[in-house]
Amino acid sequence: MWFFGKKGASGFSARSTAEEVTHGVDGTGLTAIVTGASSGIGVETARVLALRGVHVVMAVRNTGSGAKVKEDIVNRVPGAKLDVMELDLSSMDSVRKFASDYKSSCRPLNLLINNAGIMACPFMLSKDNIELQFATNHLGHFLLTKLLLDTMKNTSRESKREGRIVNLSSEAHRYSYPEGVRFDKINDKSSYSSIRAYGQSKLCNILHANELAKQLKEDGVNITANSLHPGAIMTNLGRYFNSYLAGAVGAVAKYVLKTVPQGAATTCYVALNPQVTGVTGEYFLDSNIAKPLSLAKDSELAKKVWDFSTKLTESQSGESSS
């Protein structure tokens, strides 16, 4: 990590804020979806994109909270273009409804920011009977991206502007299960580890972006796909951590944790900064290209995760329509 303000090749560091990394960027005419835009760094991401002229669609589970955040942003950024739409990433039906409603609205889509996530929760199953962290952090975003890809392709082609897909991963991807992805044990409660399951979902975020980047490049489509680690941010600790641990971390927070404006920086950098034009299939940290775990660069594993995710989303679709 570029701690203590040490700048990387981009000219930015861990201390750079979302406003700083997008300074001078004009996002007028761009439309973005930001999942999880009603809390944490999602709010700051939506605010800074709106500040730069981007029309932001806030995809949130709780539209009441989303409306309050929208009102707050509009008060701070006069003229901000924001819409609030309901999306529960742990439910494939909800993802499908969101994508359908979005396409029916005939809005363009230049930027897809897969930001939402849950962290280190006890073992739970989603509405589709899939382990909750895998379902919410990876599978929901996988399906959302798949359903909106044609809209992004059309927008890119018609606007002649590069589309960008941004997956928020985490350095926690290094702490997945030893085998990386447990294809045959996704729902195995007896060997479940909340931290490793979180790491597994974050590893899948990188693998998803990498396989997507490869496919888009092969198809000659002007859309990039990248992943990133936003940094350790107080809001990201997760409500499931015990109070003792949260307190201990809080004691050293000012030395090692990012502020929310710093936490949203890498997302905004990868989404808007012209330095990233044409860059795809990369992993970013502190607004600089970084090296993920070697397993995260395994193209065979990426394809396997892609096929596994496709199968899970398609089988659920078949069941729901019967």
C-alpha atoms as a PDB file:
ATOM      1  CA  MET A   1       0.000   0.000   0.000  1.00  0.00           C
ATOM      2  CA  TRP A   2       1.235   3.539  -0.799  1.00  0.00           C
ATOM      3  CA  PHE A   3       1.009   4.535   2.877  1.00  0.00           C
ATOM      4  CA  PHE A   4       1.896   7.954   4.281  1.00  0.00           C
ATOM      5  CA  GLY A   5       1.106   9.665   1.020  1.00  0.00           C
ATOM      6  CA  LYS A   6       3.740   7.927  -1.117  1.00  0.00           C
ATOM      7  CA  LYS A   7       2.582   8.403  -4.703  1.00  0.00           C
ATOM      8  CA  GLY A   8       2.517   5.653  -7.304  1.00  0.00           C
ATOM      9  CA  ALA A   9       2.960   5.920 -11.077  1.00  0.00           C
ATOM     10  CA  SER A  10      -0.463   7.560 -11.463  1.00  0.00           C
ATOM     11  CA  GLY A  11       0.587  10.471  -9.267  1.00  0.00           C
ATOM     12  CA  PHE A  12      -1.914   9.440  -6.604  1.00  0.00           C
ATOM     13  CA  SER A  13      -1.608   7.653  -3.270  1.00  0.00           C
ATOM     14  CA  ALA A  14      -3.627   6.063  -0.466  1.00  0.00           C
ATOM     15  CA  ARG A  15      -4.276   9.573   0.826  1.00  0.00           C
ATOM     16  CA  SER A  16      -5.773  10.880  -2.443  1.00  0.00           C
ATOM     17  CA  THR A  17      -9.493  11.631  -2.337  1.00  0.00           C
ATOM     18  CA  ALA A  18     -12.194  10.866  -4.901  1.00  0.00           C
ATOM     19  CA  GLU A  19     -12.395  14.555  -5.804  1.00  0.00           C
ATOM     20  CA  GLU A  20      -8.627  14.785  -6.283  1.00  0.00           C
ATOM     21  CA  VAL A  21      -8.362  11.781  -8.632  1.00  0.00           C
ATOM     22  CA  THR A  22     -11.187  13.151 -10.827  1.00  0.00           C
ATOM     23  CA  HIS A  23     -10.105  16.806 -10.769  1.00  0.00           C
ATOM     24  CA  GLY A  24     -10.690  18.408 -14.157  1.00  0.00           C
ATOM     25  CA  VAL A  25     -12.615  15.415 -15.532  1.00  0.00           C
ATOM     26  CA  ASP A  26     -15.860  16.259 -17.333  1.00  0.00           C
ATOM     27  CA  GLY A  27     -18.369  13.413 -17.058  1.00  0.00           C
ATOM     28  CA  THR A  28     -21.212  15.294 -18.739  1.00  0.00           C
ATOM     29  CA  GLY A  29     -23.215  12.978 -20.968  1.00  0.00           C
ATOM     30  CA  LEU A  30     -22.186   9.824 -19.103  1.00  0.00           C
ATOM     31  CA  THR A  31     -24.652   7.625 -17.220  1.00  0.00           C
ATOM     32  CA  ALA A  32     -23.541   5.365 -14.366  1.00  0.00           C
ATOM     33  CA  ILE A  33     -25.122   2.742 -12.144  1.00  0.00           C
ATOM     34  CA  VAL A  34     -23.632   2.541  -8.649  1.00  0.00           C
ATOM     35  CA  THR A  35     -24.809  -0.418  -6.565  1.00  0.00           C
ATOM     36  CA  GLY A  36     -24.949   0.127  -2.819  1.00  0.00           C
ATOM     37  CA  ALA A  37     -25.000   3.894  -3.308  1.00  0.00           C
ATOM     38  CA  SER A  38     -26.874   4.684  -0.098  1.00  0.00           C
ATOM     39  CA  SER A  39     -24.119   3.869   2.404  1.00  0.00           C
ATOM     40  CA  GLY A  40     -20.370   4.079   2.993  1.00  0.00           C
ATOM     41  CA  ILE A  41     -18.137   4.750   0.021  1.00  0.00           C
ATOM     42  CA  GLY A  42     -21.081   4.183  -2.324  1.00  0.00           C
ATOM     43  CA  VAL A  43     -22.512   7.547  -1.243  1.00  0.00           C
ATOM     44  CA  GLU A  44     -19.233   9.365  -1.883  1.00  0.00           C
ATOM     45  CA  THR A  45     -18.807   7.588  -5.222  1.00  0.00           C
ATOM     46  CA  ALA A  46     -22.286   8.721  -6.307  1.00  0.00           C
ATOM     47  CA  ARG A  47     -21.642  12.274  -5.067  1.00  0.00           C
ATOM     48  CA  VAL A  48     -18.299  12.704  -6.830  1.00  0.00           C
ATOM     49  CA  LEU A  49     -19.550  11.181 -10.093  1.00  0.00           C
ATOM     50  CA  ALA A  50     -22.537  13.577  -9.944  1.00  0.00           C
ATOM     51  CA  LEU A  51     -20.163  16.449  -9.137  1.00  0.00           C
ATOM     52  CA  ARG A  52     -18.305  15.665 -12.370  1.00  0.00           C
ATOM     53  CA  GLY A  53     -21.534  15.802 -14.379  1.00  0.00           C
ATOM     54  CA  VAL A  54     -22.358  12.081 -14.557  1.00  0.00           C
ATOM     55  CA  HIS A  55     -26.031  11.050 -14.412  1.00  0.00           C
ATOM     56  CA  VAL A  56     -25.981   8.553 -11.516  1.00  0.00           C
ATOM     57  CA  VAL A  57     -28.522   5.782 -10.989  1.00  0.00           C
ATOM     58  CA  MET A  58     -28.331   4.712  -7.356  1.00  0.00           C
ATOM     59  CA  ALA A  59     -29.151   0.997  -7.184  1.00  0.00           C
ATOM     60  CA  VAL A  60     -30.082   0.403  -3.553  1.00  0.00           C
ATOM     61  CA  ARG A  61     -31.860  -2.168  -1.433  1.00  0.00           C
ATOM     62  CA  ASN A  62     -33.675   0.460   0.648  1.00  0.00           C
ATOM     63  CA  THR A  63     -35.149   3.161  -1.588  1.00  0.00           C
ATOM     64  CA  GLY A  64     -36.153   5.253   1.449  1.00  0.00           C
ATOM     65  CA  SER A  65     -32.497   5.553   2.510  1.00  0.00           C
ATOM     66  CA  GLY A  66     -31.560   6.087  -1.129  1.00  0.00           C
ATOM     67  CA  ALA A  67     -33.987   9.002  -1.463  1.00  0.00           C
ATOM     68  CA  LYS A  68     -32.501  10.684   1.625  1.00  0.00           C
ATOM     69  CA  VAL A  69     -28.963  10.278   0.261  1.00  0.00           C
ATOM     70  CA  LYS A  70     -30.080  11.645  -3.114  1.00  0.00           C
ATOM     71  CA  GLU A  71     -31.605  14.700  -1.417  1.00  0.00           C
ATOM     72  CA  ASP A  72     -28.404  15.287   0.553  1.00  0.00           C
ATOM     73  CA  ILE A  73     -26.229  15.035  -2.568  1.00  0.00           C
ATOM     74  CA  VAL A  74     -28.485  17.409  -4.548  1.00  0.00           C
ATOM     75  CA  ASN A  75     -28.236  19.900  -1.678  1.00  0.00           C
ATOM     76  CA  ARG A  76     -24.439  19.694  -1.809  1.00  0.00           C
ATOM     77  CA  VAL A  77     -24.146  19.474  -5.599  1.00  0.00           C
ATOM     78  CA  PRO A  78     -26.685  21.803  -7.239  1.00  0.00           C
ATOM     79  CA  GLY A  79     -27.770  20.430 -10.607  1.00  0.00           C
ATOM     80  CA  ALA A  80     -26.731  16.864  -9.757  1.00  0.00           C
ATOM     81  CA  LYS A  81     -28.557  14.243 -11.833  1.00  0.00           C
ATOM     82  CA  LEU A  82     -29.512  11.278  -9.664  1.00  0.00           C
ATOM     83  CA  ASP A  83     -32.161   8.568  -9.770  1.00  0.00           C
ATOM     84  CA  VAL A  84     -32.929   5.930  -7.152  1.00  0.00           C
ATOM     85  CA  MET A  85     -33.887   2.377  -8.144  1.00  0.00           C
ATOM     86  CA  GLU A  86     -34.470  -0.693  -5.994  1.00  0.00           C
ATOM     87  CA  LEU A  87     -31.977  -3.549  -6.177  1.00  0.00           C
ATOM     88  CA  ASP A  88     -31.386  -6.446  -3.775  1.00  0.00           C
ATOM     89  CA  LEU A  89     -28.290  -8.245  -5.052  1.00  0.00           C
ATOM     90  CA  SER A  90     -28.968 -11.289  -2.886  1.00  0.00           C
ATOM     91  CA  SER A  91     -32.111 -11.994  -4.937  1.00  0.00           C
ATOM     92  CA  MET A  92     -31.824 -12.968  -8.599  1.00  0.00           C
ATOM     93  CA  ASP A  93     -35.474 -12.003  -9.135  1.00  0.00           C
ATOM     94  CA  SER A  94     -34.664  -8.511  -7.853  1.00  0.00           C
ATOM     95  CA  VAL A  95     -31.608  -8.283 -10.131  1.00  0.00           C
ATOM     96  CA  ARG A  96     -33.705  -9.352 -13.122  1.00  0.00           C
ATOM     97  CA  LYS A  97     -36.458  -6.842 -12.295  1.00  0.00           C
ATOM     98  CA  PHE A  98     -33.914  -4.035 -11.907  1.00  0.00           C
ATOM     99  CA  ALA A  99     -32.270  -4.850 -15.259  1.00  0.00           C
ATOM    100  CA  SER A 100     -35.647  -5.113 -16.972  1.00  0.00           C
ATOM    101  CA  ASP A 101     -36.832  -1.785 -15.531  1.00  0.00           C
ATOM    102  CA  TYR A 102     -33.550  -0.123 -16.460  1.00  0.00           C
ATOM    103  CA  LYS A 103     -33.733  -1.340 -20.050  1.00  0.00           C
ATOM    104  CA  SER A 104     -37.394  -0.277 -20.294  1.00  0.00           C
ATOM    105  CA  SER A 105     -36.373   3.253 -19.271  1.00  0.00           C
ATOM    106  CA  CYS A 106     -34.220   3.453 -22.433  1.00  0.00           C
ATOM    107  CA  ARG A 107     -31.405   5.076 -20.457  1.00  0.00           C
ATOM    108  CA  PRO A 108     -27.882   4.711 -21.845  1.00  0.00           C
ATOM    109  CA  LEU A 109     -25.216   3.071 -19.651  1.00  0.00           C
ATOM    110  CA  ASN A 110     -21.552   4.050 -19.785  1.00  0.00           C
ATOM    111  CA  LEU A 111     -20.328   3.057 -16.329  1.00  0.00           C
ATOM    112  CA  LEU A 112     -21.319   0.105 -14.149  1.00  0.00           C
ATOM    113  CA  ILE A 113     -19.905   0.356 -10.634  1.00  0.00           C
ATOM    114  CA  ASN A 114     -20.394  -2.961  -8.807  1.00  0.00           C
ATOM    115  CA  ASN A 115     -19.842  -1.501  -5.354  1.00  0.00           C
ATOM    116  CA  ALA A 116     -22.355  -3.096  -2.978  1.00  0.00           C
ATOM    117  CA  GLY A 117     -21.360  -5.895  -0.643  1.00  0.00           C
ATOM    118  CA  ILE A 118     -21.673  -7.537   2.745  1.00  0.00           C
ATOM    119  CA  MET A 119     -18.784  -8.651   4.904  1.00  0.00           C
ATOM    120  CA  ALA A 120     -18.009 -11.555   7.204  1.00  0.00           C
ATOM    121  CA  CYS A 121     -21.590 -12.427   8.147  1.00  0.00           C
ATOM    122  CA  PRO A 122     -22.579 -15.658   9.894  1.00  0.00           C
ATOM    123  CA  PHE A 123     -23.607 -18.527   7.605  1.00  0.00           C
ATOM    124  CA  MET A 124     -26.846 -17.647   5.859  1.00  0.00           C
ATOM    125  CA  LEU A 125     -28.510 -18.579   2.591  1.00  0.00           C
ATOM    126  CA  SER A 126     -29.875 -16.095   0.053  1.00  0.00           C
ATOM    127  CA  LYS A 127     -33.442 -16.185  -1.261  1.00  0.00           C
ATOM    128  CA  ASP A 128     -32.085 -18.468  -3.998  1.00  0.00           C
ATOM    129  CA  ASN A 129     -30.496 -20.825  -1.423  1.00  0.00           C
ATOM    130  CA  ILE A 130     -26.898 -19.782  -2.084  1.00  0.00           C
ATOM    131  CA  GLU A 131     -24.418 -18.775   0.635  1.00  0.00           C
ATOM    132  CA  LEU A 132     -25.140 -15.100   1.238  1.00  0.00           C
ATOM    133  CA  GLN A 133     -21.710 -13.523   0.691  1.00  0.00           C
ATOM    134  CA  PHE A 134     -21.130 -15.418  -2.561  1.00  0.00           C
ATOM    135  CA  ALA A 135     -24.694 -14.614  -3.668  1.00  0.00           C
ATOM    136  CA  THR A 136     -24.569 -10.894  -2.840  1.00  0.00           C
ATOM    137  CA  ASN A 137     -20.954  -9.914  -3.506  1.00  0.00           C
ATOM    138  CA  HIS A 138     -20.317 -11.992  -6.610  1.00  0.00           C
ATOM    139  CA  LEU A 139     -23.331 -13.732  -8.145  1.00  0.00           C
ATOM    140  CA  GLY A 140     -25.717 -10.768  -7.986  1.00  0.00           C
ATOM    141  CA  HIS A 141     -23.176  -8.518  -9.681  1.00  0.00           C
ATOM    142  CA  PHE A 142     -22.308 -11.240 -12.200  1.00  0.00           C
ATOM    143  CA  LEU A 143     -25.966 -11.493 -13.250  1.00  0.00           C
ATOM    144  CA  LEU A 144     -26.507  -7.718 -13.204  1.00  0.00           C
ATOM    145  CA  THR A 145     -23.486  -7.172 -15.479  1.00  0.00           C
ATOM    146  CA  LYS A 146     -24.595  -9.915 -17.846  1.00  0.00           C
ATOM    147  CA  LEU A 147     -28.117  -8.493 -18.165  1.00  0.00           C
ATOM    148  CA  LEU A 148     -26.906  -4.928 -18.772  1.00  0.00           C
ATOM    149  CA  LEU A 149     -24.027  -5.736 -21.124  1.00  0.00           C
ATOM    150  CA  ASP A 150     -26.001  -5.246 -24.344  1.00  0.00           C
ATOM    151  CA  THR A 151     -27.144  -1.826 -23.100  1.00  0.00           C
ATOM    152  CA  MET A 152     -23.517  -0.908 -22.409  1.00  0.00           C
ATOM    153  CA  LYS A 153     -22.425  -2.172 -25.839  1.00  0.00           C
ATOM    154  CA  ASN A 154     -25.126  -0.138 -27.578  1.00  0.00           C
ATOM    155  CA  THR A 155     -24.230   2.978 -25.580  1.00  0.00           C
ATOM    156  CA  SER A 156     -20.536   2.593 -26.331  1.00  0.00           C
ATOM    157  CA  ARG A 157     -21.201   2.106 -30.013  1.00  0.00           C
ATOM    158  CA  GLU A 158     -23.664   4.993 -30.328  1.00  0.00           C
ATOM    159  CA  SER A 159     -21.746   7.476 -28.164  1.00  0.00           C
ATOM    160  CA  LYS A 160     -18.309   6.397 -29.429  1.00  0.00           C
ATOM    161  CA  ARG A 161     -17.144   6.573 -25.808  1.00  0.00           C
ATOM    162  CA  GLU A 162     -15.442   3.845 -23.818  1.00  0.00           C
ATOM    163  CA  GLY A 163     -17.665   1.979 -21.373  1.00  0.00           C
ATOM    164  CA  ARG A 164     -16.195   0.939 -18.035  1.00  0.00           C
ATOM    165  CA  ILE A 165     -17.196  -1.862 -15.663  1.00  0.00           C
ATOM    166  CA  VAL A 166     -15.694  -1.565 -12.188  1.00  0.00           C
ATOM    167  CA  ASN A 167     -15.808  -4.420  -9.649  1.00  0.00           C
ATOM    168  CA  LEU A 168     -15.030  -3.572  -6.042  1.00  0.00           C
ATOM    169  CA  SER A 169     -12.970  -6.431  -4.688  1.00  0.00           C
ATOM    170  CA  SER A 170     -10.713  -6.370  -1.620  1.00  0.00           C
ATOM    171  CA  GLU A 171      -7.249  -7.337  -0.460  1.00  0.00           C
ATOM    172  CA  ALA A 172      -9.243  -9.935   1.493  1.00  0.00           C
ATOM    173  CA  HIS A 173      -9.214 -11.931  -1.771  1.00  0.00           C
ATOM    174  CA  ARG A 174      -5.832 -13.186  -0.516  1.00  0.00           C
ATOM    175  CA  TYR A 175      -7.565 -14.900   2.406  1.00  0.00           C
ATOM    176  CA  SER A 176     -10.058 -17.098   0.597  1.00  0.00           C
ATOM    177  CA  TYR A 177     -10.216 -20.847   1.218  1.00  0.00           C
ATOM    178  CA  PRO A 178      -6.959 -22.686   0.334  1.00  0.00           C
ATOM    179  CA  GLU A 179      -8.426 -23.957  -2.955  1.00  0.00           C
ATOM    180  CA  GLY A 180      -9.573 -20.434  -3.855  1.00  0.00           C
ATOM    181  CA  VAL A 181     -13.157 -21.160  -4.898  1.00  0.00           C
ATOM    182  CA  ARG A 182     -15.079 -24.067  -3.384  1.00  0.00           C
ATOM    183  CA  PHE A 183     -17.296 -24.951  -6.307  1.00  0.00           C
ATOM    184  CA  ASP A 184     -18.708 -28.067  -4.666  1.00  0.00           C
ATOM    185  CA  LYS A 185     -18.885 -26.609  -1.145  1.00  0.00           C
ATOM    186  CA  ILE A 186     -20.390 -23.148  -1.639  1.00  0.00           C
ATOM    187  CA  ASN A 187     -23.202 -24.027   0.775  1.00  0.00           C
ATOM    188  CA  ASP A 188     -21.224 -26.221   3.187  1.00  0.00           C
ATOM    189  CA  LYS A 189     -22.184 -24.849   6.594  1.00  0.00           C
ATOM    190  CA  SER A 190     -19.950 -27.227   8.584  1.00  0.00           C
ATOM    191  CA  SER A 191     -16.705 -25.865   7.104  1.00  0.00           C
ATOM    192  CA  TYR A 192     -17.908 -22.266   6.650  1.00  0.00           C
ATOM    193  CA  SER A 193     -15.582 -19.458   7.659  1.00  0.00           C
ATOM    194  CA  SER A 194     -17.087 -15.973   7.487  1.00  0.00           C
ATOM    195  CA  ILE A 195     -13.721 -14.360   6.652  1.00  0.00           C
ATOM    196  CA  ARG A 196     -12.700 -16.967   4.070  1.00  0.00           C
ATOM    197  CA  ALA A 197     -16.139 -16.885   2.450  1.00  0.00           C
ATOM    198  CA  TYR A 198     -15.784 -13.111   2.156  1.00  0.00           C
ATOM    199  CA  GLY A 199     -12.326 -13.599   0.623  1.00  0.00           C
ATOM    200  CA  GLN A 200     -13.760 -16.154  -1.793  1.00  0.00           C
ATOM    201  CA  SER A 201     -16.437 -13.709  -2.983  1.00  0.00           C
ATOM    202  CA  LYS A 202     -13.814 -10.966  -3.415  1.00  0.00           C
ATOM    203  CA  LEU A 203     -11.534 -13.324  -5.368  1.00  0.00           C
ATOM    204  CA  CYS A 204     -14.498 -14.030  -7.653  1.00  0.00           C
ATOM    205  CA  ASN A 205     -14.948 -10.278  -8.221  1.00  0.00           C
ATOM    206  CA  ILE A 206     -11.430 -10.117  -9.706  1.00  0.00           C
ATOM    207  CA  LEU A 207     -11.818 -13.320 -11.713  1.00  0.00           C
ATOM    208  CA  HIS A 208     -15.156 -12.065 -13.078  1.00  0.00           C
ATOM    209  CA  ALA A 209     -13.635  -8.760 -14.215  1.00  0.00           C
ATOM    210  CA  ASN A 210     -10.667 -10.531 -15.806  1.00  0.00           C
ATOM    211  CA  GLU A 211     -12.764 -13.013 -17.800  1.00  0.00           C
ATOM    212  CA  LEU A 212     -15.133 -10.227 -18.818  1.00  0.00           C
ATOM    213  CA  ALA A 213     -12.174  -8.096 -19.980  1.00  0.00           C
ATOM    214  CA  LYS A 214     -10.892 -11.008 -22.067  1.00  0.00           C
ATOM    215  CA  GLN A 215     -14.276 -11.628 -23.704  1.00  0.00           C
ATOM    216  CA  LEU A 216     -14.885  -7.934 -24.443  1.00  0.00           C
ATOM    217  CA  LYS A 217     -11.427  -7.600 -25.964  1.00  0.00           C
ATOM    218  CA  GLU A 218     -11.964 -10.674 -28.140  1.00  0.00           C
ATOM    219  CA  ASP A 219     -15.298  -9.233 -29.306  1.00  0.00           C
ATOM    220  CA  GLY A 220     -13.675  -5.908 -30.163  1.00  0.00           C
ATOM    221  CA  VAL A 221     -16.023  -4.025 -27.849  1.00  0.00           C
ATOM    222  CA  ASN A 222     -14.958  -0.635 -26.474  1.00  0.00           C
ATOM    223  CA  ILE A 223     -15.711  -1.536 -22.847  1.00  0.00           C
ATOM    224  CA  THR A 224     -13.139  -2.185 -20.137  1.00  0.00           C
ATOM    225  CA  ALA A 225     -13.524  -4.304 -16.985  1.00  0.00           C
ATOM    226  CA  ASN A 226     -11.296  -3.837 -13.949  1.00  0.00           C
ATOM    227  CA  SER A 227     -11.325  -4.656 -10.241  1.00  0.00           C
ATOM    228  CA  LEU A 228      -9.974  -2.824  -7.221  1.00  0.00           C
ATOM    229  CA  HIS A 229      -9.389  -2.713  -3.492  1.00  0.00           C
ATOM    230  CA  PRO A 230     -10.855   0.499  -2.041  1.00  0.00           C
ATOM    231  CA  GLY A 231      -8.710   0.326   1.094  1.00  0.00           C
ATOM    232  CA  ALA A 232      -9.444  -0.351   4.718  1.00  0.00           C
ATOM    233  CA  ILE A 233     -12.230   2.025   5.662  1.00  0.00           C
ATOM    234  CA  MET A 234     -14.071   2.212   8.974  1.00  0.00           C
ATOM    235  CA  THR A 235     -17.439   1.755   7.245  1.00  0.00           C
ATOM    236  CA  ASN A 236     -16.176  -1.432   5.606  1.00  0.00           C
ATOM    237  CA  LEU A 237     -15.505  -3.296   8.857  1.00  0.00           C
ATOM    238  CA  GLY A 238     -18.925  -4.854   8.704  1.00  0.00           C
ATOM    239  CA  ARG A 239     -21.651  -5.010  11.286  1.00  0.00           C
ATOM    240  CA  TYR A 240     -20.864  -8.620  12.094  1.00  0.00           C
ATOM    241  CA  PHE A 241     -17.455  -7.929  13.657  1.00  0.00           C
ATOM    242  CA  ASN A 242     -17.573  -8.059  17.439  1.00  0.00           C
ATOM    243  CA  SER A 243     -17.402  -4.803  19.387  1.00  0.00           C
ATOM    244  CA  TYR A 244     -14.016  -5.600  20.956  1.00  0.00           C
ATOM    245  CA  LEU A 245     -12.353  -6.016  17.560  1.00  0.00           C
ATOM    246  CA  ALA A 246     -14.076  -2.937  16.172  1.00  0.00           C
ATOM    247  CA  GLY A 247     -12.907  -0.965  19.211  1.00  0.00           C
ATOM    248  CA  ALA A 248      -9.333  -2.183  18.877  1.00  0.00           C
ATOM    249  CA  VAL A 249      -9.264  -1.243  15.220  1.00  0.00           C
ATOM    250  CA  GLY A 250     -10.833   2.100  16.046  1.00  0.00           C
ATOM    251  CA  ALA A 251      -7.951   2.894  18.392  1.00  0.00           C
ATOM    252  CA  VAL A 252      -5.477   2.806  15.505  1.00  0.00           C
ATOM    253  CA  ALA A 253      -7.907   3.915  12.816  1.00  0.00           C
ATOM    254  CA  LYS A 254      -6.391   7.340  12.261  1.00  0.00           C
ATOM    255  CA  TYR A 255      -3.056   5.719  11.396  1.00  0.00           C
ATOM    256  CA  VAL A 256      -4.094   2.896   9.079  1.00  0.00           C
ATOM    257  CA  LEU A 257      -7.660   3.445   7.883  1.00  0.00           C
ATOM    258  CA  LYS A 258      -8.839   5.648   5.057  1.00  0.00           C
ATOM    259  CA  THR A 259     -11.501   8.314   5.305  1.00  0.00           C
ATOM    260  CA  VAL A 260     -14.595   7.772   3.141  1.00  0.00           C
ATOM    261  CA  PRO A 261     -13.420  10.344   0.520  1.00  0.00           C
ATOM    262  CA  GLN A 262     -10.100   8.441   0.325  1.00  0.00           C
ATOM    263  CA  GLY A 263     -11.953   5.107   0.251  1.00  0.00           C
ATOM    264  CA  ALA A 264     -13.999   6.125  -2.798  1.00  0.00           C
ATOM    265  CA  ALA A 265     -10.945   7.456  -4.664  1.00  0.00           C
ATOM    266  CA  THR A 266      -9.827   4.289  -6.477  1.00  0.00           C
ATOM    267  CA  THR A 267     -13.368   3.582  -7.690  1.00  0.00           C
ATOM    268  CA  CYS A 268     -13.724   7.102  -9.083  1.00  0.00           C
ATOM    269  CA  TYR A 269     -10.208   6.955 -10.571  1.00  0.00           C
ATOM    270  CA  VAL A 270     -10.897   3.696 -12.431  1.00  0.00           C
ATOM    271  CA  ALA A 271     -14.353   4.894 -13.507  1.00  0.00           C
ATOM    272  CA  LEU A 272     -13.449   8.367 -14.774  1.00  0.00           C
ATOM    273  CA  ASN A 273      -9.743   9.186 -14.982  1.00  0.00           C
ATOM    274  CA  PRO A 274      -8.377   9.404 -18.556  1.00  0.00           C
ATOM    275  CA  GLN A 275      -5.168   7.647 -17.429  1.00  0.00           C
ATOM    276  CA  VAL A 276      -7.197   4.415 -17.328  1.00  0.00           C
ATOM    277  CA  THR A 277      -8.432   4.672 -20.933  1.00  0.00           C
ATOM    278  CA  GLY A 278      -7.950   1.326 -22.682  1.00  0.00           C
ATOM    279  CA  VAL A 279      -6.718  -0.366 -19.504  1.00  0.00           C
ATOM    280  CA  THR A 280      -8.617  -3.590 -18.864  1.00  0.00           C
ATOM    281  CA  GLY A 281      -8.327  -6.774 -16.810  1.00  0.00           C
ATOM    282  CA  GLU A 282      -6.260  -5.026 -14.143  1.00  0.00           C
ATOM    283  CA  TYR A 283      -6.452  -4.821 -10.354  1.00  0.00           C
ATOM    284  CA  PHE A 284      -6.095  -1.404  -8.755  1.00  0.00           C
ATOM    285  CA  LEU A 285      -5.041  -0.333  -5.273  1.00  0.00           C
ATOM    286  CA  ASP A 286      -4.724   3.300  -4.101  1.00  0.00           C
ATOM    287  CA  SER A 287      -5.463   4.569  -7.634  1.00  0.00           C
ATOM    288  CA  ASN A 288      -2.556   2.591  -9.083  1.00  0.00           C
ATOM    289  CA  ILE A 289      -2.283  -0.759 -10.883  1.00  0.00           C
ATOM    290  CA  ALA A 290      -1.310  -3.442  -8.366  1.00  0.00           C
ATOM    291  CA  LYS A 291      -0.618  -7.174  -8.285  1.00  0.00           C
ATOM    292  CA  PRO A 292      -3.346  -9.404  -6.888  1.00  0.00           C
ATOM    293  CA  LEU A 293      -2.847 -12.964  -5.672  1.00  0.00           C
ATOM    294  CA  SER A 294      -1.492 -15.165  -8.498  1.00  0.00           C
ATOM    295  CA  LEU A 295      -4.679 -17.251  -8.265  1.00  0.00           C
ATOM    296  CA  ALA A 296      -6.642 -14.117  -9.217  1.00  0.00           C
ATOM    297  CA  LYS A 297      -4.764 -14.029 -12.548  1.00  0.00           C
ATOM    298  CA  ASP A 298      -5.497 -17.695 -13.302  1.00  0.00           C
ATOM    299  CA  SER A 299      -7.429 -17.578 -16.600  1.00  0.00           C
ATOM    300  CA  GLU A 300      -8.614 -21.186 -16.310  1.00  0.00           C
ATOM    301  CA  LEU A 301     -10.040 -20.508 -12.856  1.00  0.00           C
ATOM    302  CA  ALA A 302     -11.673 -17.317 -14.174  1.00  0.00           C
ATOM    303  CA  LYS A 303     -13.395 -19.287 -16.932  1.00  0.00           C
ATOM    304  CA  LYS A 304     -14.476 -21.952 -14.443  1.00  0.00           C
ATOM    305  CA  VAL A 305     -16.002 -19.278 -12.156  1.00  0.00           C
ATOM    306  CA  TRP A 306     -17.731 -17.753 -15.184  1.00  0.00           C
ATOM    307  CA  ASP A 307     -19.246 -21.086 -16.254  1.00  0.00           C
ATOM    308  CA  PHE A 308     -20.208 -21.988 -12.679  1.00  0.00           C
ATOM    309  CA  SER A 309     -21.902 -18.593 -12.182  1.00  0.00           C
ATOM    310  CA  THR A 310     -23.693 -18.841 -15.529  1.00  0.00           C
ATOM    311  CA  LYS A 311     -25.028 -22.258 -14.560  1.00  0.00           C
ATOM    312  CA  LEU A 312     -26.228 -21.035 -11.149  1.00  0.00           C
ATOM    313  CA  THR A 313     -28.010 -17.992 -12.567  1.00  0.00           C
ATOM    314  CA  GLU A 314     -29.570 -19.944 -15.436  1.00  0.00           C
ATOM    315  CA  SER A 315     -30.781 -22.830 -13.272  1.00  0.00           C
ATOM    316  CA  GLN A 316     -32.438 -20.392 -10.890  1.00  0.00           C
ATOM    317  CA  SER A 317     -34.095 -18.691 -13.850  1.00  0.00           C
ATOM    318  CA  GLY A 318     -35.437 -22.039 -15.044  1.00  0.00           C
ATOM    319  CA  GLU A 319     -36.884 -22.837 -11.652  1.00  0.00           C
ATOM    320  CA  SER A 320     -38.529 -19.443 -11.256  1.00  0.00           C
ATOM    321  CA  SER A 321     -40.244 -19.671 -14.626  1.00  0.00           C
ATOM    322  CA  SER A 322     -41.628 -23.159 -14.126  1.00  0.00           C
END
